[in-house]
Amino acid sequence: MSDSVANSTKFIEFMLSIILNTINEIIETEKKVTAKVTLKVSVNQQKIIDAIKSNPKVTQEGLAEIVGITRKSVISNMKKLQENGLINRIGADKNGYWKVVE
C-alpha cells in the first residue's frame, strides 16, 4: 500500500504500531504469569490450603493435626499464605472462616 507517489510511510507506521501494541500486551501477560509462578508454596502450606478448601472453618489446632506440625508452625505458614494473598480470613476469630483465593 502506498500513496500516489509510492510513499508507504503511513502503512509502515501503522504496522509498526500494531506490532508495538502486541509486544506490550505480551510483556504485560508475562509479568502476570511470572508473578503467579513466583508464589511457590511449601508442602505444608499446600496441605493447609487443601484442608481449608475441605473445611473453611477448620481451626489452627485442627490444621496442626492434619498437617502434622505444631500450631505455631501453622500460624507462621498461614501468615505467609495471607501475605501472599493466597488465603483470607472472613469474619471474626470465633465465628469466621478461611477463604482460599483462586
PDB file of N, CA and C in Angstrom:
ATOM      1  N   MET A   1       0.838  -1.178   0.000  1.00  0.00           N
ATOM      2  CA  MET A   1       0.000   0.000   0.000  1.00  0.00           C
ATOM      3  C   MET A   1       0.880   1.238   0.000  1.00  0.00           C
ATOM      4  N   SER A   2       0.597   2.107  -0.887  1.00  0.00           N
ATOM      5  CA  SER A   2       1.334   3.361  -0.929  1.00  0.00           C
ATOM      6  C   SER A   2       0.429   4.422  -1.527  1.00  0.00           C
ATOM      7  N   ASP A   3       0.846   5.684  -1.390  1.00  0.00           N
ATOM      8  CA  ASP A   3       0.047   6.754  -1.970  1.00  0.00           C
ATOM      9  C   ASP A   3       0.447   6.948  -3.437  1.00  0.00           C
ATOM     10  N   SER A   4      -0.034   7.998  -4.038  1.00  0.00           N
ATOM     11  CA  SER A   4       0.173   8.199  -5.474  1.00  0.00           C
ATOM     12  C   SER A   4       1.636   8.398  -5.857  1.00  0.00           C
ATOM     13  N   VAL A   5       2.485   8.742  -4.908  1.00  0.00           N
ATOM     14  CA  VAL A   5       3.903   8.930  -5.207  1.00  0.00           C
ATOM     15  C   VAL A   5       4.750   7.789  -4.635  1.00  0.00           C
ATOM     16  N   ALA A   6       4.128   6.654  -4.398  1.00  0.00           N
ATOM     17  CA  ALA A   6       4.803   5.446  -3.923  1.00  0.00           C
ATOM     18  C   ALA A   6       5.429   5.617  -2.547  1.00  0.00           C
ATOM     19  N   ASN A   7       4.766   6.398  -1.682  1.00  0.00           N
ATOM     20  CA  ASN A   7       5.235   6.588  -0.319  1.00  0.00           C
ATOM     21  C   ASN A   7       4.438   5.668   0.612  1.00  0.00           C
ATOM     22  N   SER A   8       5.105   4.738   1.217  1.00  0.00           N
ATOM     23  CA  SER A   8       4.416   3.765   2.076  1.00  0.00           C
ATOM     24  C   SER A   8       4.671   4.029   3.566  1.00  0.00           C
ATOM     25  N   THR A   9       5.093   5.218   3.908  1.00  0.00           N
ATOM     26  CA  THR A   9       5.425   5.557   5.294  1.00  0.00           C
ATOM     27  C   THR A   9       4.239   5.356   6.221  1.00  0.00           C
ATOM     28  N   LYS A  10       3.055   5.796   5.838  1.00  0.00           N
ATOM     29  CA  LYS A  10       1.884   5.681   6.706  1.00  0.00           C
ATOM     30  C   LYS A  10       1.558   4.214   6.981  1.00  0.00           C
ATOM     31  N   PHE A  11       1.663   3.397   5.963  1.00  0.00           N
ATOM     32  CA  PHE A  11       1.382   1.971   6.141  1.00  0.00           C
ATOM     33  C   PHE A  11       2.405   1.338   7.084  1.00  0.00           C
ATOM     34  N   ILE A  12       3.664   1.670   6.905  1.00  0.00           N
ATOM     35  CA  ILE A  12       4.723   1.116   7.753  1.00  0.00           C
ATOM     36  C   ILE A  12       4.526   1.564   9.201  1.00  0.00           C
ATOM     37  N   GLU A  13       4.205   2.834   9.409  1.00  0.00           N
ATOM     38  CA  GLU A  13       3.956   3.328  10.765  1.00  0.00           C
ATOM     39  C   GLU A  13       2.764   2.608  11.398  1.00  0.00           C
ATOM     40  N   PHE A  14       1.725   2.373  10.603  1.00  0.00           N
ATOM     41  CA  PHE A  14       0.549   1.661  11.093  1.00  0.00           C
ATOM     42  C   PHE A  14       0.920   0.241  11.533  1.00  0.00           C
ATOM     43  N   MET A  15       1.657  -0.459  10.686  1.00  0.00           N
ATOM     44  CA  MET A  15       2.050  -1.836  11.009  1.00  0.00           C
ATOM     45  C   MET A  15       2.966  -1.877  12.229  1.00  0.00           C
ATOM     46  N   LEU A  16       3.884  -0.945  12.332  1.00  0.00           N
ATOM     47  CA  LEU A  16       4.767  -0.894  13.490  1.00  0.00           C
ATOM     48  C   LEU A  16       3.995  -0.617  14.782  1.00  0.00           C
ATOM     49  N   SER A  17       2.971   0.221  14.702  1.00  0.00           N
ATOM     50  CA  SER A  17       2.178   0.490  15.906  1.00  0.00           C
ATOM     51  C   SER A  17       1.408  -0.766  16.335  1.00  0.00           C
ATOM     52  N   ILE A  18       0.938  -1.554  15.407  1.00  0.00           N
ATOM     53  CA  ILE A  18       0.263  -2.810  15.741  1.00  0.00           C
ATOM     54  C   ILE A  18       1.253  -3.781  16.384  1.00  0.00           C
ATOM     55  N   ILE A  19       2.439  -3.879  15.827  1.00  0.00           N
ATOM     56  CA  ILE A  19       3.466  -4.760  16.385  1.00  0.00           C
ATOM     57  C   ILE A  19       3.842  -4.307  17.801  1.00  0.00           C
ATOM     58  N   LEU A  20       4.014  -3.014  17.999  1.00  0.00           N
ATOM     59  CA  LEU A  20       4.365  -2.490  19.316  1.00  0.00           C
ATOM     60  C   LEU A  20       3.270  -2.792  20.330  1.00  0.00           C
ATOM     61  N   ASN A  21       2.019  -2.591  19.965  1.00  0.00           N
ATOM     62  CA  ASN A  21       0.904  -2.888  20.873  1.00  0.00           C
ATOM     63  C   ASN A  21       0.882  -4.367  21.245  1.00  0.00           C
ATOM     64  N   THR A  22       1.117  -5.223  20.275  1.00  0.00           N
ATOM     65  CA  THR A  22       1.138  -6.664  20.532  1.00  0.00           C
ATOM     66  C   THR A  22       2.278  -7.031  21.481  1.00  0.00           C
ATOM     67  N   ILE A  23       3.433  -6.468  21.278  1.00  0.00           N
ATOM     68  CA  ILE A  23       4.582  -6.730  22.157  1.00  0.00           C
ATOM     69  C   ILE A  23       4.279  -6.264  23.579  1.00  0.00           C
ATOM     70  N   ASN A  24       3.684  -5.091  23.723  1.00  0.00           N
ATOM     71  CA  ASN A  24       3.337  -4.588  25.053  1.00  0.00           C
ATOM     72  C   ASN A  24       2.321  -5.496  25.747  1.00  0.00           C
ATOM     73  N   GLU A  25       1.355  -6.013  25.011  1.00  0.00           N
ATOM     74  CA  GLU A  25       0.377  -6.939  25.586  1.00  0.00           C
ATOM     75  C   GLU A  25       1.060  -8.222  26.051  1.00  0.00           C
ATOM     76  N   ILE A  26       1.984  -8.728  25.266  1.00  0.00           N
ATOM     77  CA  ILE A  26       2.716  -9.947  25.632  1.00  0.00           C
ATOM     78  C   ILE A  26       3.540  -9.708  26.890  1.00  0.00           C
ATOM     79  N   ILE A  27       4.190  -8.561  26.977  1.00  0.00           N
ATOM     80  CA  ILE A  27       5.002  -8.236  28.156  1.00  0.00           C
ATOM     81  C   ILE A  27       4.126  -8.182  29.405  1.00  0.00           C
ATOM     82  N   GLU A  28       2.963  -7.549  29.323  1.00  0.00           N
ATOM     83  CA  GLU A  28       2.063  -7.459  30.470  1.00  0.00           C
ATOM     84  C   GLU A  28       1.563  -8.838  30.890  1.00  0.00           C
ATOM     85  N   THR A  29       1.243  -9.674  29.918  1.00  0.00           N
ATOM     86  CA  THR A  29       0.792 -11.031  30.222  1.00  0.00           C
ATOM     87  C   THR A  29       1.897 -11.819  30.899  1.00  0.00           C
ATOM     88  N   GLU A  30       3.124 -11.694  30.413  1.00  0.00           N
ATOM     89  CA  GLU A  30       4.259 -12.397  31.013  1.00  0.00           C
ATOM     90  C   GLU A  30       4.500 -11.935  32.444  1.00  0.00           C
ATOM     91  N   LYS A  31       4.329 -10.644  32.705  1.00  0.00           N
ATOM     92  CA  LYS A  31       4.507 -10.126  34.062  1.00  0.00           C
ATOM     93  C   LYS A  31       3.504 -10.774  34.998  1.00  0.00           C
ATOM     94  N   LYS A  32       2.248 -10.893  34.565  1.00  0.00           N
ATOM     95  CA  LYS A  32       1.211 -11.504  35.393  1.00  0.00           C
ATOM     96  C   LYS A  32       1.513 -12.975  35.638  1.00  0.00           C
ATOM     97  N   VAL A  33       1.908 -13.685  34.608  1.00  0.00           N
ATOM     98  CA  VAL A  33       2.217 -15.109  34.742  1.00  0.00           C
ATOM     99  C   VAL A  33       3.415 -15.298  35.655  1.00  0.00           C
ATOM    100  N   THR A  34       4.438 -14.488  35.487  1.00  0.00           N
ATOM    101  CA  THR A  34       5.639 -14.588  36.307  1.00  0.00           C
ATOM    102  C   THR A  34       5.307 -14.315  37.770  1.00  0.00           C
ATOM    103  N   ALA A  35       4.472 -13.340  38.032  1.00  0.00           N
ATOM    104  CA  ALA A  35       4.092 -13.017  39.404  1.00  0.00           C
ATOM    105  C   ALA A  35       3.401 -14.205  40.057  1.00  0.00           C
ATOM    106  N   LYS A  36       2.549 -14.891  39.329  1.00  0.00           N
ATOM    107  CA  LYS A  36       1.850 -16.049  39.885  1.00  0.00           C
ATOM    108  C   LYS A  36       2.799 -17.219  40.090  1.00  0.00           C
ATOM    109  N   VAL A  37       3.718 -17.413  39.191  1.00  0.00           N
ATOM    110  CA  VAL A  37       4.637 -18.547  39.276  1.00  0.00           C
ATOM    111  C   VAL A  37       5.595 -18.383  40.449  1.00  0.00           C
ATOM    112  N   THR A  38       5.997 -17.157  40.744  1.00  0.00           N
ATOM    113  CA  THR A  38       6.968 -16.946  41.803  1.00  0.00           C
ATOM    114  C   THR A  38       6.377 -17.174  43.191  1.00  0.00           C
ATOM    115  N   LEU A  39       5.061 -17.261  43.299  1.00  0.00           N
ATOM    116  CA  LEU A  39       4.428 -17.533  44.579  1.00  0.00           C
ATOM    117  C   LEU A  39       4.389 -19.037  44.813  1.00  0.00           C
ATOM    118  N   LYS A  40       5.521 -19.583  45.173  1.00  0.00           N
ATOM    119  CA  LYS A  40       5.599 -21.011  45.442  1.00  0.00           C
ATOM    120  C   LYS A  40       5.229 -21.259  46.893  1.00  0.00           C
ATOM    121  N   VAL A  41       4.539 -22.358  47.105  1.00  0.00           N
ATOM    122  CA  VAL A  41       4.151 -22.705  48.457  1.00  0.00           C
ATOM    123  C   VAL A  41       4.856 -23.995  48.865  1.00  0.00           C
ATOM    124  N   SER A  42       5.105 -24.114  50.150  1.00  0.00           N
ATOM    125  CA  SER A  42       5.746 -25.319  50.665  1.00  0.00           C
ATOM    126  C   SER A  42       4.723 -26.455  50.712  1.00  0.00           C
ATOM    127  N   VAL A  43       5.205 -27.641  50.985  1.00  0.00           N
ATOM    128  CA  VAL A  43       4.326 -28.803  51.096  1.00  0.00           C
ATOM    129  C   VAL A  43       3.316 -28.576  52.223  1.00  0.00           C
ATOM    130  N   ASN A  44       3.790 -28.078  53.355  1.00  0.00           N
ATOM    131  CA  ASN A  44       2.894 -27.821  54.483  1.00  0.00           C
ATOM    132  C   ASN A  44       1.863 -26.748  54.150  1.00  0.00           C
ATOM    133  N   GLN A  45       2.289 -25.716  53.443  1.00  0.00           N
ATOM    134  CA  GLN A  45       1.346 -24.665  53.052  1.00  0.00           C
ATOM    135  C   GLN A  45       0.297 -25.210  52.098  1.00  0.00           C
ATOM    136  N   GLN A  46       0.682 -26.087  51.191  1.00  0.00           N
ATOM    137  CA  GLN A  46      -0.281 -26.683  50.278  1.00  0.00           C
ATOM    138  C   GLN A  46      -1.272 -27.561  51.037  1.00  0.00           C
ATOM    139  N   LYS A  47      -0.780 -28.287  52.039  1.00  0.00           N
ATOM    140  CA  LYS A  47      -1.673 -29.099  52.879  1.00  0.00           C
ATOM    141  C   LYS A  47      -2.669 -28.214  53.619  1.00  0.00           C
ATOM    142  N   ILE A  48      -2.207 -27.062  54.080  1.00  0.00           N
ATOM    143  CA  ILE A  48      -3.093 -26.110  54.764  1.00  0.00           C
ATOM    144  C   ILE A  48      -4.159 -25.609  53.802  1.00  0.00           C
ATOM    145  N   ILE A  49      -3.749 -25.243  52.602  1.00  0.00           N
ATOM    146  CA  ILE A  49      -4.704 -24.771  51.586  1.00  0.00           C
ATOM    147  C   ILE A  49      -5.736 -25.848  51.284  1.00  0.00           C
ATOM    148  N   ASP A  50      -5.289 -27.081  51.094  1.00  0.00           N
ATOM    149  CA  ASP A  50      -6.204 -28.184  50.796  1.00  0.00           C
ATOM    150  C   ASP A  50      -7.184 -28.414  51.940  1.00  0.00           C
ATOM    151  N   ALA A  51      -6.683 -28.333  53.178  1.00  0.00           N
ATOM    152  CA  ALA A  51      -7.547 -28.530  54.345  1.00  0.00           C
ATOM    153  C   ALA A  51      -8.585 -27.418  54.445  1.00  0.00           C
ATOM    154  N   ILE A  52      -8.186 -26.195  54.145  1.00  0.00           N
ATOM    155  CA  ILE A  52      -9.126 -25.069  54.190  1.00  0.00           C
ATOM    156  C   ILE A  52     -10.182 -25.226  53.097  1.00  0.00           C
ATOM    157  N   LYS A  53      -9.778 -25.700  51.924  1.00  0.00           N
ATOM    158  CA  LYS A  53     -10.758 -25.936  50.861  1.00  0.00           C
ATOM    159  C   LYS A  53     -11.793 -26.972  51.305  1.00  0.00           C
ATOM    160  N   SER A  54     -11.341 -27.992  52.024  1.00  0.00           N
ATOM    161  CA  SER A  54     -12.245 -29.038  52.507  1.00  0.00           C
ATOM    162  C   SER A  54     -13.140 -28.550  53.633  1.00  0.00           C
ATOM    163  N   ASN A  55     -12.591 -27.690  54.501  1.00  0.00           N
ATOM    164  CA  ASN A  55     -13.336 -27.202  55.658  1.00  0.00           C
ATOM    165  C   ASN A  55     -12.885 -25.780  55.986  1.00  0.00           C
ATOM    166  N   PRO A  56     -13.563 -24.769  55.435  1.00  0.00           N
ATOM    167  CA  PRO A  56     -13.161 -23.374  55.668  1.00  0.00           C
ATOM    168  C   PRO A  56     -13.186 -22.957  57.137  1.00  0.00           C
ATOM    169  N   LYS A  57     -13.905 -23.670  57.978  1.00  0.00           N
ATOM    170  CA  LYS A  57     -13.981 -23.307  59.398  1.00  0.00           C
ATOM    171  C   LYS A  57     -12.988 -24.086  60.248  1.00  0.00           C
ATOM    172  N   VAL A  58     -12.035 -24.752  59.607  1.00  0.00           N
ATOM    173  CA  VAL A  58     -11.036 -25.529  60.344  1.00  0.00           C
ATOM    174  C   VAL A  58     -10.234 -24.605  61.259  1.00  0.00           C
ATOM    175  N   THR A  59      -9.907 -25.113  62.437  1.00  0.00           N
ATOM    176  CA  THR A  59      -9.131 -24.327  63.403  1.00  0.00           C
ATOM    177  C   THR A  59      -7.643 -24.545  63.176  1.00  0.00           C
ATOM    178  N   GLN A  60      -6.863 -23.690  63.807  1.00  0.00           N
ATOM    179  CA  GLN A  60      -5.407 -23.857  63.714  1.00  0.00           C
ATOM    180  C   GLN A  60      -4.974 -25.155  64.390  1.00  0.00           C
ATOM    181  N   GLU A  61      -5.634 -25.523  65.463  1.00  0.00           N
ATOM    182  CA  GLU A  61      -5.332 -26.799  66.110  1.00  0.00           C
ATOM    183  C   GLU A  61      -5.650 -27.958  65.166  1.00  0.00           C
ATOM    184  N   GLY A  62      -6.776 -27.851  64.485  1.00  0.00           N
ATOM    185  CA  GLY A  62      -7.162 -28.883  63.528  1.00  0.00           C
ATOM    186  C   GLY A  62      -6.174 -28.981  62.384  1.00  0.00           C
ATOM    187  N   LEU A  63      -5.709 -27.832  61.919  1.00  0.00           N
ATOM    188  CA  LEU A  63      -4.715 -27.823  60.840  1.00  0.00           C
ATOM    189  C   LEU A  63      -3.403 -28.449  61.307  1.00  0.00           C
ATOM    190  N   ALA A  64      -3.035 -28.194  62.550  1.00  0.00           N
ATOM    191  CA  ALA A  64      -1.799 -28.773  63.086  1.00  0.00           C
ATOM    192  C   ALA A  64      -1.882 -30.298  63.067  1.00  0.00           C
ATOM    193  N   GLU A  65      -3.033 -30.825  63.424  1.00  0.00           N
ATOM    194  CA  GLU A  65      -3.218 -32.281  63.399  1.00  0.00           C
ATOM    195  C   GLU A  65      -3.204 -32.818  61.973  1.00  0.00           C
ATOM    196  N   ILE A  66      -3.898 -32.140  61.082  1.00  0.00           N
ATOM    197  CA  ILE A  66      -3.993 -32.589  59.686  1.00  0.00           C
ATOM    198  C   ILE A  66      -2.615 -32.578  59.018  1.00  0.00           C
ATOM    199  N   VAL A  67      -1.901 -31.485  59.191  1.00  0.00           N
ATOM    200  CA  VAL A  67      -0.618 -31.303  58.509  1.00  0.00           C
ATOM    201  C   VAL A  67       0.509 -32.051  59.237  1.00  0.00           C
ATOM    202  N   GLY A  68       0.349 -32.217  60.543  1.00  0.00           N
ATOM    203  CA  GLY A  68       1.381 -32.901  61.313  1.00  0.00           C
ATOM    204  C   GLY A  68       2.497 -31.984  61.755  1.00  0.00           C
ATOM    205  N   ILE A  69       2.145 -30.728  62.038  1.00  0.00           N
ATOM    206  CA  ILE A  69       3.122 -29.747  62.520  1.00  0.00           C
ATOM    207  C   ILE A  69       2.538 -29.061  63.746  1.00  0.00           C
ATOM    208  N   THR A  70       3.329 -28.249  64.418  1.00  0.00           N
ATOM    209  CA  THR A  70       2.851 -27.553  65.613  1.00  0.00           C
ATOM    210  C   THR A  70       1.893 -26.421  65.227  1.00  0.00           C
ATOM    211  N   ARG A  71       1.105 -25.999  66.214  1.00  0.00           N
ATOM    212  CA  ARG A  71       0.192 -24.874  65.985  1.00  0.00           C
ATOM    213  C   ARG A  71       0.986 -23.622  65.631  1.00  0.00           C
ATOM    214  N   LYS A  72       2.122 -23.450  66.273  1.00  0.00           N
ATOM    215  CA  LYS A  72       2.985 -22.291  65.994  1.00  0.00           C
ATOM    216  C   LYS A  72       3.431 -22.299  64.526  1.00  0.00           C
ATOM    217  N   SER A  73       3.770 -23.466  63.992  1.00  0.00           N
ATOM    218  CA  SER A  73       4.162 -23.573  62.582  1.00  0.00           C
ATOM    219  C   SER A  73       2.975 -23.298  61.660  1.00  0.00           C
ATOM    220  N   VAL A  74       1.795 -23.744  62.078  1.00  0.00           N
ATOM    221  CA  VAL A  74       0.582 -23.465  61.300  1.00  0.00           C
ATOM    222  C   VAL A  74       0.379 -21.951  61.210  1.00  0.00           C
ATOM    223  N   ILE A  75       0.490 -21.268  62.340  1.00  0.00           N
ATOM    224  CA  ILE A  75       0.311 -19.811  62.372  1.00  0.00           C
ATOM    225  C   ILE A  75       1.316 -19.134  61.448  1.00  0.00           C
ATOM    226  N   SER A  76       2.559 -19.553  61.504  1.00  0.00           N
ATOM    227  CA  SER A  76       3.607 -18.972  60.664  1.00  0.00           C
ATOM    228  C   SER A  76       3.308 -19.192  59.177  1.00  0.00           C
ATOM    229  N   ASN A  77       2.922 -20.416  58.839  1.00  0.00           N
ATOM    230  CA  ASN A  77       2.614 -20.719  57.439  1.00  0.00           C
ATOM    231  C   ASN A  77       1.382 -19.972  56.950  1.00  0.00           C
ATOM    232  N   MET A  78       0.386 -19.858  57.801  1.00  0.00           N
ATOM    233  CA  MET A  78      -0.830 -19.146  57.412  1.00  0.00           C
ATOM    234  C   MET A  78      -0.560 -17.659  57.220  1.00  0.00           C
ATOM    235  N   LYS A  79       0.323 -17.113  58.044  1.00  0.00           N
ATOM    236  CA  LYS A  79       0.698 -15.704  57.890  1.00  0.00           C
ATOM    237  C   LYS A  79       1.336 -15.477  56.514  1.00  0.00           C
ATOM    238  N   LYS A  80       2.227 -16.391  56.120  1.00  0.00           N
ATOM    239  CA  LYS A  80       2.862 -16.275  54.804  1.00  0.00           C
ATOM    240  C   LYS A  80       1.826 -16.403  53.688  1.00  0.00           C
ATOM    241  N   LEU A  81       0.897 -17.335  53.857  1.00  0.00           N
ATOM    242  CA  LEU A  81      -0.156 -17.501  52.844  1.00  0.00           C
ATOM    243  C   LEU A  81      -1.016 -16.248  52.735  1.00  0.00           C
ATOM    244  N   GLN A  82      -1.318 -15.627  53.871  1.00  0.00           N
ATOM    245  CA  GLN A  82      -2.087 -14.380  53.845  1.00  0.00           C
ATOM    246  C   GLN A  82      -1.298 -13.255  53.197  1.00  0.00           C
ATOM    247  N   GLU A  83      -0.026 -13.133  53.528  1.00  0.00           N
ATOM    248  CA  GLU A  83       0.819 -12.076  52.952  1.00  0.00           C
ATOM    249  C   GLU A  83       0.918 -12.205  51.437  1.00  0.00           C
ATOM    250  N   ASN A  84       0.909 -13.438  50.950  1.00  0.00           N
ATOM    251  CA  ASN A  84       0.981 -13.673  49.504  1.00  0.00           C
ATOM    252  C   ASN A  84      -0.388 -13.646  48.828  1.00  0.00           C
ATOM    253  N   GLY A  85      -1.428 -13.352  49.600  1.00  0.00           N
ATOM    254  CA  GLY A  85      -2.767 -13.229  49.029  1.00  0.00           C
ATOM    255  C   GLY A  85      -3.385 -14.559  48.624  1.00  0.00           C
ATOM    256  N   LEU A  86      -2.948 -15.651  49.251  1.00  0.00           N
ATOM    257  CA  LEU A  86      -3.475 -16.963  48.889  1.00  0.00           C
ATOM    258  C   LEU A  86      -4.640 -17.397  49.763  1.00  0.00           C
ATOM    259  N   ILE A  87      -4.721 -16.860  50.977  1.00  0.00           N
ATOM    260  CA  ILE A  87      -5.869 -17.117  51.841  1.00  0.00           C
ATOM    261  C   ILE A  87      -6.283 -15.810  52.508  1.00  0.00           C
ATOM    262  N   ASN A  88      -7.566 -15.732  52.873  1.00  0.00           N
ATOM    263  CA  ASN A  88      -8.104 -14.576  53.583  1.00  0.00           C
ATOM    264  C   ASN A  88      -8.959 -15.061  54.736  1.00  0.00           C
ATOM    265  N   ARG A  89      -8.975 -14.283  55.790  1.00  0.00           N
ATOM    266  CA  ARG A  89      -9.857 -14.571  56.915  1.00  0.00           C
ATOM    267  C   ARG A  89     -11.118 -13.748  56.717  1.00  0.00           C
ATOM    268  N   ILE A  90     -12.264 -14.422  56.768  1.00  0.00           N
ATOM    269  CA  ILE A  90     -13.553 -13.767  56.630  1.00  0.00           C
ATOM    270  C   ILE A  90     -14.247 -13.838  57.985  1.00  0.00           C
ATOM    271  N   GLY A  91     -14.604 -12.698  58.540  1.00  0.00           N
ATOM    272  CA  GLY A  91     -15.295 -12.673  59.825  1.00  0.00           C
ATOM    273  C   GLY A  91     -14.340 -12.669  61.010  1.00  0.00           C
ATOM    274  N   ALA A  92     -14.951 -12.835  62.177  1.00  0.00           N
ATOM    275  CA  ALA A  92     -14.207 -12.772  63.436  1.00  0.00           C
ATOM    276  C   ALA A  92     -13.471 -14.075  63.713  1.00  0.00           C
ATOM    277  N   ASP A  93     -12.596 -14.016  64.716  1.00  0.00           N
ATOM    278  CA  ASP A  93     -11.807 -15.193  65.087  1.00  0.00           C
ATOM    279  C   ASP A  93     -12.693 -16.369  65.502  1.00  0.00           C
ATOM    280  N   LYS A  94     -13.700 -16.121  66.285  1.00  0.00           N
ATOM    281  CA  LYS A  94     -14.529 -17.200  66.836  1.00  0.00           C
ATOM    282  C   LYS A  94     -15.509 -17.786  65.816  1.00  0.00           C
ATOM    283  N   ASN A  95     -16.154 -16.932  65.033  1.00  0.00           N
ATOM    284  CA  ASN A  95     -17.200 -17.439  64.140  1.00  0.00           C
ATOM    285  C   ASN A  95     -16.912 -17.189  62.659  1.00  0.00           C
ATOM    286  N   GLY A  96     -15.693 -16.860  62.343  1.00  0.00           N
ATOM    287  CA  GLY A  96     -15.326 -16.618  60.950  1.00  0.00           C
ATOM    288  C   GLY A  96     -14.864 -17.890  60.263  1.00  0.00           C
ATOM    289  N   TYR A  97     -14.321 -17.706  59.070  1.00  0.00           N
ATOM    290  CA  TYR A  97     -13.817 -18.854  58.307  1.00  0.00           C
ATOM    291  C   TYR A  97     -12.697 -18.388  57.388  1.00  0.00           C
ATOM    292  N   TRP A  98     -11.981 -19.357  56.831  1.00  0.00           N
ATOM    293  CA  TRP A  98     -10.883 -19.078  55.915  1.00  0.00           C
ATOM    294  C   TRP A  98     -11.375 -19.241  54.486  1.00  0.00           C
ATOM    295  N   LYS A  99     -10.848 -18.407  53.620  1.00  0.00           N
ATOM    296  CA  LYS A  99     -11.187 -18.490  52.200  1.00  0.00           C
ATOM    297  C   LYS A  99      -9.898 -18.598  51.397  1.00  0.00           C
ATOM    298  N   VAL A 100      -9.854 -19.598  50.507  1.00  0.00           N
ATOM    299  CA  VAL A 100      -8.711 -19.752  49.617  1.00  0.00           C
ATOM    300  C   VAL A 100      -8.963 -18.872  48.391  1.00  0.00           C
ATOM    301  N   VAL A 101      -8.002 -18.032  48.069  1.00  0.00           N
ATOM    302  CA  VAL A 101      -8.105 -17.143  46.909  1.00  0.00           C
ATOM    303  C   VAL A 101      -7.611 -17.904  45.684  1.00  0.00           C
ATOM    304  N   GLU A 102      -8.476 -18.069  44.714  1.00  0.00           N
ATOM    305  CA  GLU A 102      -8.113 -18.823  43.497  1.00  0.00           C
ATOM    306  C   GLU A 102      -7.606 -17.885  42.428  1.00  0.00           C
TER     307      GLU A 102
END
